[in-house]
C-alpha cells in the first residue's frame, strides 16, 4: 500500500515536528507543576538535553515520542509504508543515541526516567509514577 501523503506533503509534515515543547511534554509539565513539582527545562549541559531536570535530586525526565524512539506501543511499532528502510535506520540511530546518553547520565551520577508520549496522552497516573522515581 502506498503512502497516503505525497513526498512534498510528508516533508512539510515532518518539518513541523519539534524536539522540545511538544504537546505530550507540555501536558506532563502542567500536570507536575500543578502537583507542586518544580524543574528546569532542556539543560544543555547534560547529555541528551533532558526535557525536565530536577537538579537538587540529580534526576531527569525525557518525554519520548513513540514513533521517533521506537516504543513498543501501536504508534511506535508502526513504520511508514514508503521509505521504510530510512525510517527503520533513523529510529535505530535514535535508540542507540538515547542509550549512550543514558549511560553518560548515570556515569555522571544522574538518574533518568523515560516517559512515553502514549503514557501522557492516555492520562496514566504520571504524578505517582514521577514521585516514585524522584523519591527513590
Protein backbone atom coordinates (compact mmCIF):
# COMPACT_ATOMS: atom_id res chain seq x y z
CA UNK A 1 0.00 0.00 0.00
CA UNK A 2 1.37 3.40 -0.94
CA UNK A 3 1.87 6.26 1.47
CA UNK A 4 -1.25 8.44 1.72
CA UNK A 5 0.91 11.59 1.57
CA UNK A 6 2.93 12.80 -1.35
CA UNK A 7 6.66 13.27 -0.73
CA UNK A 8 6.12 17.03 -0.54
CA UNK A 9 3.28 16.65 1.98
CA UNK A 10 5.34 14.22 4.06
CA UNK A 11 8.29 16.61 4.06
CA UNK A 12 6.11 19.53 5.14
CA UNK A 13 4.51 17.41 7.87
CA UNK A 14 7.85 16.20 9.26
CA UNK A 15 9.31 19.71 9.18
CA UNK A 16 6.64 20.84 11.67
CA UNK A 17 7.68 18.30 14.28
CA UNK A 18 9.87 19.77 17.01
CA UNK A 19 12.14 18.20 19.60
CA UNK A 20 11.06 20.32 22.56
CA UNK A 21 7.84 21.87 23.82
CA UNK A 22 5.84 19.06 22.26
CA UNK A 23 2.21 18.52 23.25
CA UNK A 24 2.99 15.50 25.49
CA UNK A 25 5.88 17.36 27.13
CA UNK A 26 3.75 20.42 27.89
CA UNK A 27 0.94 18.23 29.22
CA UNK A 28 3.36 16.46 31.59
CA UNK A 29 4.91 19.75 32.70
CA UNK A 30 1.47 21.16 33.57
CA UNK A 31 0.48 18.02 35.50
CA UNK A 32 3.70 18.02 37.52
CA UNK A 33 3.71 21.79 38.12
CA UNK A 34 0.10 21.66 39.33
CA UNK A 35 1.23 18.98 41.81
CA UNK A 36 3.93 21.29 43.19
CA UNK A 37 6.96 19.83 41.43
CA UNK A 38 9.49 22.34 40.11
CA UNK A 39 12.10 21.69 37.45
CA UNK A 40 14.35 23.25 34.82
CA UNK A 41 13.85 22.69 31.12
CA UNK A 42 16.23 21.32 28.49
CA UNK A 43 19.55 21.73 30.31
CA UNK A 44 22.10 21.77 27.51
CA UNK A 45 24.90 20.90 29.94
CA UNK A 46 23.52 17.38 30.37
CA UNK A 47 23.70 14.56 27.82
CA UNK A 48 20.56 14.50 25.68
CA UNK A 49 19.27 17.87 26.90
CA UNK A 50 16.65 16.27 29.17
CA UNK A 51 13.14 17.69 28.95
CA UNK A 52 12.77 18.11 32.73
CA UNK A 53 15.68 18.48 35.15
CA UNK A 54 15.30 18.12 38.92
CA UNK A 55 18.79 19.37 39.75
CA UNK A 56 18.58 19.09 43.54
CA UNK A 57 17.68 15.42 43.22
CA UNK A 58 20.03 14.77 40.29
CA UNK A 59 17.16 13.29 38.29
CA UNK A 60 15.94 13.98 34.78
CA UNK A 61 12.93 13.05 32.69
CA UNK A 62 12.79 12.52 28.95
CA UNK A 63 9.41 12.72 27.21
CA UNK A 64 9.86 10.46 24.19
CA UNK A 65 7.74 10.41 21.07
CA UNK A 66 6.61 6.83 20.47
CA UNK A 67 7.25 6.92 16.71
CA UNK A 68 10.64 8.65 16.86
CA UNK A 69 12.10 6.47 19.60
CA UNK A 70 10.56 3.15 18.55
CA UNK A 71 8.30 2.44 21.54
CA UNK A 72 6.53 -0.92 21.57
CA UNK A 73 3.04 0.64 21.54
CA UNK A 74 0.87 0.63 18.36
CA UNK A 75 2.15 4.05 17.24
CA UNK A 76 5.79 3.27 17.95
CA UNK A 77 5.80 -0.13 16.29
CA UNK A 78 4.35 1.15 13.01
CA UNK A 79 6.65 2.27 10.19
CA UNK A 80 5.59 4.41 7.23
CA UNK A 81 4.76 2.47 4.07
CA UNK A 82 7.24 4.42 1.98
CA UNK A 83 10.97 4.76 2.60
CA UNK A 84 10.74 2.05 5.25
CA UNK A 85 14.46 1.35 5.40
CA UNK A 86 15.24 5.02 6.02
CA UNK A 87 12.77 5.25 8.93
CA UNK A 88 13.88 1.97 10.47
CA UNK A 89 17.50 3.15 10.39
CA UNK A 90 16.56 6.62 11.70
CA UNK A 91 14.74 5.14 14.69
CA UNK A 92 17.57 2.69 15.37
CA UNK A 93 20.03 5.59 15.42
CA UNK A 94 17.75 7.47 17.83
CA UNK A 95 17.60 4.45 20.14
CA UNK A 96 21.37 3.99 20.06
CA UNK A 97 21.94 7.70 20.77
CA UNK A 98 19.42 7.56 23.63
CA UNK A 99 21.20 4.55 25.15
CA UNK A 100 24.59 6.32 25.01
CA UNK A 101 23.16 9.44 26.61
CA UNK A 102 21.54 7.43 29.41
CA UNK A 103 24.88 5.74 30.17
CA UNK A 104 26.59 9.14 30.26
CA UNK A 105 23.97 10.49 32.66
CA UNK A 106 24.34 7.52 35.01
CA UNK A 107 28.15 7.85 34.85
CA UNK A 108 27.74 11.49 35.92
CA UNK A 109 25.57 10.46 38.87
CA UNK A 110 22.16 11.29 37.42
CA UNK A 111 19.02 9.17 37.42
CA UNK A 112 16.68 9.25 34.46
CA UNK A 113 13.11 8.35 33.63
CA UNK A 114 11.71 7.86 30.15
CA UNK A 115 8.07 8.87 29.83
CA UNK A 116 6.39 7.86 26.59
CA UNK A 117 4.05 10.03 24.56
CA UNK A 118 1.32 7.36 24.75
CA UNK A 119 1.52 7.33 28.57
CA UNK A 120 0.97 11.08 28.75
CA UNK A 121 -1.84 11.12 26.19
CA UNK A 122 -3.58 8.16 27.87
CA UNK A 123 -3.63 10.11 31.12
CA UNK A 124 -1.89 7.42 33.14
CA UNK A 125 -1.13 8.21 36.79
CA UNK A 126 2.05 10.06 35.93
CA UNK A 127 2.31 12.12 39.11
CA UNK A 128 2.55 8.97 41.24
CA UNK A 129 4.99 7.41 38.76
CA UNK A 130 7.22 10.51 38.73
CA UNK A 131 7.08 10.94 42.52
CA UNK A 132 8.19 7.31 42.99
CA UNK A 133 11.09 7.98 40.61
CA UNK A 134 12.08 11.23 42.33
CA UNK A 135 11.85 9.82 45.85
CA UNK A 136 13.92 6.72 45.02
